[in-house]
PDB file of N, CA and C in Angstrom:
ATOM      1  N   UNK A   1       0.455  -1.176   0.213  1.00  0.00           N
ATOM      2  CA  UNK A   1       0.098   0.249  -0.133  1.00  0.00           C
ATOM      3  C   UNK A   1       0.883   1.167  -0.046  1.00  0.00           C
ATOM      4  N   UNK A   2       1.444   1.113   0.757  1.00  0.00           N
ATOM      5  CA  UNK A   2       2.925   2.608   1.125  1.00  0.00           C
ATOM      6  C   UNK A   2       3.672   3.077  -0.360  1.00  0.00           C
ATOM      7  N   UNK A   3       3.856   2.047  -1.564  1.00  0.00           N
ATOM      8  CA  UNK A   3       4.488   1.423  -3.109  1.00  0.00           C
ATOM      9  C   UNK A   3       3.574   2.740  -3.807  1.00  0.00           C
ATOM     10  N   UNK A   4       1.535   2.132  -3.719  1.00  0.00           N
ATOM     11  CA  UNK A   4       1.350   3.008  -4.699  1.00  0.00           C
ATOM     12  C   UNK A   4       0.595   4.533  -3.820  1.00  0.00           C
ATOM     13  N   UNK A   5       1.127   5.119  -2.826  1.00  0.00           N
ATOM     14  CA  UNK A   5       0.760   6.004  -2.202  1.00  0.00           C
ATOM     15  C   UNK A   5       2.327   6.921  -2.532  1.00  0.00           C
ATOM     16  N   UNK A   6       2.723   7.336  -2.874  1.00  0.00           N
ATOM     17  CA  UNK A   6       4.466   7.189  -2.983  1.00  0.00           C
ATOM     18  C   UNK A   6       4.375   7.376  -4.581  1.00  0.00           C
ATOM     19  N   UNK A   7       3.874   6.328  -5.325  1.00  0.00           N
ATOM     20  CA  UNK A   7       3.505   6.751  -7.087  1.00  0.00           C
ATOM     21  C   UNK A   7       2.745   7.732  -7.174  1.00  0.00           C
ATOM     22  N   UNK A   8       1.197   7.652  -6.659  1.00  0.00           N
ATOM     23  CA  UNK A   8       0.850   8.375  -7.247  1.00  0.00           C
ATOM     24  C   UNK A   8       1.117   9.842  -7.011  1.00  0.00           C
ATOM     25  N   UNK A   9       1.636  10.161  -5.480  1.00  0.00           N
ATOM     26  CA  UNK A   9       2.203  11.300  -5.479  1.00  0.00           C
ATOM     27  C   UNK A   9       3.646  11.885  -6.267  1.00  0.00           C
ATOM     28  N   UNK A  10       4.195  10.922  -6.610  1.00  0.00           N
ATOM     29  CA  UNK A  10       5.395  10.863  -7.681  1.00  0.00           C
ATOM     30  C   UNK A  10       4.133  11.388  -9.383  1.00  0.00           C
ATOM     31  N   UNK A  11       2.796  10.593  -9.322  1.00  0.00           N
ATOM     32  CA  UNK A  11       3.003  10.932 -10.606  1.00  0.00           C
ATOM     33  C   UNK A  11       2.575  12.336 -10.063  1.00  0.00           C
ATOM     34  N   UNK A  12       1.864  13.025  -9.526  1.00  0.00           N
ATOM     35  CA  UNK A  12       1.068  14.033  -9.674  1.00  0.00           C
ATOM     36  C   UNK A  12       1.921  15.529  -9.823  1.00  0.00           C
ATOM     37  N   UNK A  13       3.091  14.985  -9.121  1.00  0.00           N
ATOM     38  CA  UNK A  13       4.854  16.379  -9.149  1.00  0.00           C
ATOM     39  C   UNK A  13       4.843  16.292 -10.534  1.00  0.00           C
ATOM     40  N   UNK A  14       4.922  15.269 -10.811  1.00  0.00           N
ATOM     41  CA  UNK A  14       5.666  14.448 -12.397  1.00  0.00           C
ATOM     42  C   UNK A  14       4.599  15.830 -13.168  1.00  0.00           C
ATOM     43  N   UNK A  15       3.329  15.635 -13.143  1.00  0.00           N
ATOM     44  CA  UNK A  15       2.969  16.233 -14.230  1.00  0.00           C
ATOM     45  C   UNK A  15       2.574  17.925 -13.954  1.00  0.00           C
ATOM     46  N   UNK A  16       2.420  18.527 -12.771  1.00  0.00           N
ATOM     47  CA  UNK A  16       2.983  19.666 -12.803  1.00  0.00           C
ATOM     48  C   UNK A  16       4.237  19.601 -12.692  1.00  0.00           C
ATOM     49  N   UNK A  17       5.191  18.789 -12.608  1.00  0.00           N
ATOM     50  CA  UNK A  17       6.453  20.321 -13.202  1.00  0.00           C
ATOM     51  C   UNK A  17       6.340  19.701 -15.260  1.00  0.00           C
ATOM     52  N   UNK A  18       5.693  18.845 -15.428  1.00  0.00           N
ATOM     53  CA  UNK A  18       5.734  19.109 -16.689  1.00  0.00           C
ATOM     54  C   UNK A  18       4.769  20.138 -17.222  1.00  0.00           C
ATOM     55  N   UNK A  19       3.694  19.911 -16.398  1.00  0.00           N
ATOM     56  CA  UNK A  19       2.473  22.020 -16.837  1.00  0.00           C
ATOM     57  C   UNK A  19       3.566  22.931 -16.357  1.00  0.00           C
ATOM     58  N   UNK A  20       4.463  22.850 -15.825  1.00  0.00           N
ATOM     59  CA  UNK A  20       4.802  24.466 -15.465  1.00  0.00           C
ATOM     60  C   UNK A  20       5.821  24.500 -16.244  1.00  0.00           C
ATOM     61  N   UNK A  21       6.563  23.517 -16.896  1.00  0.00           N
ATOM     62  CA  UNK A  21       7.631  23.746 -17.843  1.00  0.00           C
ATOM     63  C   UNK A  21       7.543  23.764 -19.160  1.00  0.00           C
ATOM     64  N   UNK A  22       5.752  22.925 -20.022  1.00  0.00           N
ATOM     65  CA  UNK A  22       6.091  23.340 -21.299  1.00  0.00           C
ATOM     66  C   UNK A  22       4.592  24.054 -21.642  1.00  0.00           C
ATOM     67  N   UNK A  23       4.512  24.889 -20.659  1.00  0.00           N
ATOM     68  CA  UNK A  23       2.964  25.886 -20.807  1.00  0.00           C
ATOM     69  C   UNK A  23       3.817  26.878 -21.713  1.00  0.00           C
ATOM     70  N   UNK A  24       5.119  27.299 -21.811  1.00  0.00           N
ATOM     71  CA  UNK A  24       5.850  28.444 -22.527  1.00  0.00           C
ATOM     72  C   UNK A  24       5.976  27.925 -24.107  1.00  0.00           C
ATOM     73  N   UNK A  25       5.919  26.674 -24.023  1.00  0.00           N
ATOM     74  CA  UNK A  25       6.495  25.986 -25.858  1.00  0.00           C
ATOM     75  C   UNK A  25       4.505  26.730 -26.923  1.00  0.00           C
ATOM     76  N   UNK A  26       3.512  26.566 -25.729  1.00  0.00           N
ATOM     77  CA  UNK A  26       1.994  26.330 -26.225  1.00  0.00           C
ATOM     78  C   UNK A  26       1.456  27.999 -25.901  1.00  0.00           C
ATOM     79  N   UNK A  27       2.321  28.754 -25.074  1.00  0.00           N
ATOM     80  CA  UNK A  27       1.390  30.545 -25.141  1.00  0.00           C
ATOM     81  C   UNK A  27       2.938  31.335 -25.824  1.00  0.00           C
ATOM     82  N   UNK A  28       3.948  30.797 -26.408  1.00  0.00           N
ATOM     83  CA  UNK A  28       4.945  31.847 -26.957  1.00  0.00           C
ATOM     84  C   UNK A  28       3.754  32.767 -28.149  1.00  0.00           C
ATOM     85  N   UNK A  29       3.320  31.710 -29.005  1.00  0.00           N
ATOM     86  CA  UNK A  29       2.550  32.475 -29.725  1.00  0.00           C
ATOM     87  C   UNK A  29       1.113  33.555 -29.803  1.00  0.00           C
ATOM     88  N   UNK A  30       0.868  33.386 -28.463  1.00  0.00           N
ATOM     89  CA  UNK A  30      -0.107  34.330 -27.918  1.00  0.00           C
ATOM     90  C   UNK A  30       0.347  35.678 -27.804  1.00  0.00           C
ATOM     91  N   UNK A  31       1.830  35.695 -27.698  1.00  0.00           N
ATOM     92  CA  UNK A  31       1.970  37.358 -26.763  1.00  0.00           C
ATOM     93  C   UNK A  31       3.590  37.223 -27.476  1.00  0.00           C
ATOM     94  N   UNK A  32       3.378  36.398 -28.890  1.00  0.00           N
ATOM     95  CA  UNK A  32       4.770  37.175 -29.935  1.00  0.00           C
ATOM     96  C   UNK A  32       4.830  38.084 -30.527  1.00  0.00           C
ATOM     97  N   UNK A  33       2.972  38.380 -30.955  1.00  0.00           N
ATOM     98  CA  UNK A  33       3.045  39.796 -32.230  1.00  0.00           C
ATOM     99  C   UNK A  33       3.220  40.877 -31.068  1.00  0.00           C
ATOM    100  N   UNK A  34       2.836  40.851 -29.886  1.00  0.00           N
ATOM    101  CA  UNK A  34       2.434  42.036 -29.032  1.00  0.00           C
ATOM    102  C   UNK A  34       3.708  42.133 -29.085  1.00  0.00           C
ATOM    103  N   UNK A  35       4.516  41.352 -28.551  1.00  0.00           N
ATOM    104  CA  UNK A  35       6.442  40.999 -28.497  1.00  0.00           C
ATOM    105  C   UNK A  35       7.343  41.679 -29.067  1.00  0.00           C
ATOM    106  N   UNK A  36       6.444  41.698 -31.009  1.00  0.00           N
ATOM    107  CA  UNK A  36       7.351  42.073 -31.723  1.00  0.00           C
ATOM    108  C   UNK A  36       7.057  43.329 -32.020  1.00  0.00           C
ATOM    109  N   UNK A  37       5.577  43.706 -31.970  1.00  0.00           N
ATOM    110  CA  UNK A  37       5.478  45.550 -32.325  1.00  0.00           C
ATOM    111  C   UNK A  37       5.870  46.408 -31.057  1.00  0.00           C
ATOM    112  N   UNK A  38       5.658  46.250 -29.791  1.00  0.00           N
ATOM    113  CA  UNK A  38       6.896  46.402 -29.115  1.00  0.00           C
ATOM    114  C   UNK A  38       8.024  46.391 -28.298  1.00  0.00           C
ATOM    115  N   UNK A  39       8.992  45.735 -29.287  1.00  0.00           N
ATOM    116  CA  UNK A  39      10.377  45.627 -29.456  1.00  0.00           C
ATOM    117  C   UNK A  39      10.306  46.324 -30.648  1.00  0.00           C
ATOM    118  N   UNK A  40       9.934  46.111 -31.373  1.00  0.00           N
ATOM    119  CA  UNK A  40      10.293  46.754 -33.148  1.00  0.00           C
ATOM    120  C   UNK A  40      11.497  45.421 -33.541  1.00  0.00           C
ATOM    121  N   UNK A  41      11.441  44.379 -33.197  1.00  0.00           N
ATOM    122  CA  UNK A  41      12.083  43.368 -34.204  1.00  0.00           C
ATOM    123  C   UNK A  41      11.598  42.935 -35.319  1.00  0.00           C
ATOM    124  N   UNK A  42      12.238  42.165 -36.009  1.00  0.00           N
ATOM    125  CA  UNK A  42      12.313  41.328 -36.788  1.00  0.00           C
ATOM    126  C   UNK A  42      11.731  39.785 -36.911  1.00  0.00           C
ATOM    127  N   UNK A  43      10.876  39.971 -38.360  1.00  0.00           N
ATOM    128  CA  UNK A  43      10.670  38.202 -37.710  1.00  0.00           C
ATOM    129  C   UNK A  43      11.576  37.442 -37.251  1.00  0.00           C
ATOM    130  N   UNK A  44      12.619  37.496 -38.247  1.00  0.00           N
ATOM    131  CA  UNK A  44      14.040  36.897 -38.164  1.00  0.00           C
ATOM    132  C   UNK A  44      14.091  36.810 -36.686  1.00  0.00           C
ATOM    133  N   UNK A  45      14.454  38.100 -35.889  1.00  0.00           N
ATOM    134  CA  UNK A  45      14.876  38.473 -34.051  1.00  0.00           C
ATOM    135  C   UNK A  45      13.844  37.883 -33.512  1.00  0.00           C
ATOM    136  N   UNK A  46      12.645  37.187 -34.197  1.00  0.00           N
ATOM    137  CA  UNK A  46      11.630  36.691 -33.545  1.00  0.00           C
ATOM    138  C   UNK A  46      11.778  35.406 -33.054  1.00  0.00           C
ATOM    139  N   UNK A  47      12.280  35.081 -34.102  1.00  0.00           N
ATOM    140  CA  UNK A  47      12.338  33.473 -34.134  1.00  0.00           C
ATOM    141  C   UNK A  47      13.788  33.125 -33.114  1.00  0.00           C
ATOM    142  N   UNK A  48      14.365  33.480 -33.316  1.00  0.00           N
ATOM    143  CA  UNK A  48      16.093  34.137 -32.411  1.00  0.00           C
ATOM    144  C   UNK A  48      16.016  33.762 -31.375  1.00  0.00           C
ATOM    145  N   UNK A  49      14.410  34.600 -30.780  1.00  0.00           N
ATOM    146  CA  UNK A  49      14.074  34.588 -29.209  1.00  0.00           C
ATOM    147  C   UNK A  49      13.786  33.559 -28.763  1.00  0.00           C
ATOM    148  N   UNK A  50      12.303  33.154 -29.681  1.00  0.00           N
ATOM    149  CA  UNK A  50      12.185  31.571 -29.597  1.00  0.00           C
ATOM    150  C   UNK A  50      12.937  30.884 -29.329  1.00  0.00           C
ATOM    151  N   UNK A  51      14.103  30.361 -30.280  1.00  0.00           N
ATOM    152  CA  UNK A  51      15.012  29.312 -29.764  1.00  0.00           C
ATOM    153  C   UNK A  51      15.780  29.564 -28.604  1.00  0.00           C
ATOM    154  N   UNK A  52      16.251  31.298 -28.243  1.00  0.00           N
ATOM    155  CA  UNK A  52      16.898  30.886 -27.263  1.00  0.00           C
ATOM    156  C   UNK A  52      16.062  30.636 -25.662  1.00  0.00           C
ATOM    157  N   UNK A  53      15.141  31.173 -25.725  1.00  0.00           N
ATOM    158  CA  UNK A  53      13.962  30.278 -24.692  1.00  0.00           C
ATOM    159  C   UNK A  53      14.069  29.201 -24.614  1.00  0.00           C
ATOM    160  N   UNK A  54      13.182  28.244 -25.950  1.00  0.00           N
ATOM    161  CA  UNK A  54      13.826  26.952 -25.775  1.00  0.00           C
ATOM    162  C   UNK A  54      15.249  26.200 -24.998  1.00  0.00           C
ATOM    163  N   UNK A  55      16.659  26.447 -25.879  1.00  0.00           N
ATOM    164  CA  UNK A  55      17.470  26.615 -25.141  1.00  0.00           C
ATOM    165  C   UNK A  55      17.967  26.369 -23.878  1.00  0.00           C
ATOM    166  N   UNK A  56      17.564  27.393 -23.179  1.00  0.00           N
ATOM    167  CA  UNK A  56      17.208  27.714 -22.010  1.00  0.00           C
ATOM    168  C   UNK A  56      16.875  26.949 -21.399  1.00  0.00           C
ATOM    169  N   UNK A  57      15.446  26.982 -21.424  1.00  0.00           N
ATOM    170  CA  UNK A  57      14.178  26.090 -20.743  1.00  0.00           C
ATOM    171  C   UNK A  57      15.163  24.300 -20.360  1.00  0.00           C
ATOM    172  N   UNK A  58      15.350  24.426 -21.709  1.00  0.00           N
ATOM    173  CA  UNK A  58      16.432  22.734 -22.294  1.00  0.00           C
ATOM    174  C   UNK A  58      17.778  23.030 -21.331  1.00  0.00           C
ATOM    175  N   UNK A  59      18.668  23.593 -21.025  1.00  0.00           N
ATOM    176  CA  UNK A  59      19.173  23.625 -20.630  1.00  0.00           C
ATOM    177  C   UNK A  59      19.560  24.156 -19.408  1.00  0.00           C
ATOM    178  N   UNK A  60      18.655  25.027 -19.146  1.00  0.00           N
ATOM    179  CA  UNK A  60      19.358  26.021 -17.598  1.00  0.00           C
ATOM    180  C   UNK A  60      18.826  25.555 -16.288  1.00  0.00           C
ATOM    181  N   UNK A  61      18.343  24.109 -16.628  1.00  0.00           N
ATOM    182  CA  UNK A  61      18.941  23.183 -15.510  1.00  0.00           C
ATOM    183  C   UNK A  61      20.353  22.725 -15.046  1.00  0.00           C
ATOM    184  N   UNK A  62      20.569  22.352 -16.091  1.00  0.00           N
ATOM    185  CA  UNK A  62      22.340  22.123 -16.200  1.00  0.00           C
ATOM    186  C   UNK A  62      23.269  23.033 -15.608  1.00  0.00           C
ATOM    187  N   UNK A  63      22.512  24.572 -16.643  1.00  0.00           N
ATOM    188  CA  UNK A  63      23.872  25.586 -15.903  1.00  0.00           C
ATOM    189  C   UNK A  63      23.800  25.851 -15.062  1.00  0.00           C
ATOM    190  N   UNK A  64      22.682  26.111 -14.330  1.00  0.00           N
ATOM    191  CA  UNK A  64      23.042  26.382 -12.871  1.00  0.00           C
ATOM    192  C   UNK A  64      22.792  25.397 -12.149  1.00  0.00           C
ATOM    193  N   UNK A  65      22.879  23.968 -12.570  1.00  0.00           N
ATOM    194  CA  UNK A  65      23.813  23.162 -11.258  1.00  0.00           C
ATOM    195  C   UNK A  65      25.221  23.621 -11.549  1.00  0.00           C
ATOM    196  N   UNK A  66      25.768  23.491 -12.851  1.00  0.00           N
ATOM    197  CA  UNK A  66      27.129  24.061 -12.674  1.00  0.00           C
ATOM    198  C   UNK A  66      27.749  25.172 -12.310  1.00  0.00           C
ATOM    199  N   UNK A  67      26.675  26.347 -11.922  1.00  0.00           N
ATOM    200  CA  UNK A  67      27.383  27.461 -12.060  1.00  0.00           C
ATOM    201  C   UNK A  67      27.610  27.538 -10.507  1.00  0.00           C
ATOM    202  N   UNK A  68      26.874  26.432  -9.777  1.00  0.00           N
ATOM    203  CA  UNK A  68      26.743  26.499  -8.011  1.00  0.00           C
ATOM    204  C   UNK A  68      27.559  25.500  -8.065  1.00  0.00           C
ATOM    205  N   UNK A  69      28.246  24.322  -8.979  1.00  0.00           N
ATOM    206  CA  UNK A  69      29.666  23.413  -8.267  1.00  0.00           C
ATOM    207  C   UNK A  69      30.605  24.197  -8.689  1.00  0.00           C
ATOM    208  N   UNK A  70      30.802  24.808  -8.913  1.00  0.00           N
ATOM    209  CA  UNK A  70      32.091  25.410 -10.395  1.00  0.00           C
ATOM    210  C   UNK A  70      32.604  26.436  -9.229  1.00  0.00           C
ATOM    211  N   UNK A  71      33.485  26.787  -8.588  1.00  0.00           N
ATOM    212  CA  UNK A  71      34.082  27.477  -8.454  1.00  0.00           C
ATOM    213  C   UNK A  71      34.194  28.662  -9.369  1.00  0.00           C
ATOM    214  N   UNK A  72      33.762  30.141  -9.003  1.00  0.00           N
ATOM    215  CA  UNK A  72      34.250  31.360  -9.750  1.00  0.00           C
ATOM    216  C   UNK A  72      35.188  32.049  -9.537  1.00  0.00           C
TER     217      UNK A  72
END
């Protein structure tokens, strides 16, 4: 019974993380036009910003862990 309880909590926490992490992938198109207009970006610059957002999200955790461990 205890294993099932932990499995359910782990499933809930995992689902919450996936929900938080993947949200911006789907909402960027909702505000990208306003961002482009407000900042005067070209479509190419907006595409670069979108790629930087995705790369930062993909490797941000690793970079954060490395900055905590590597002395400056």
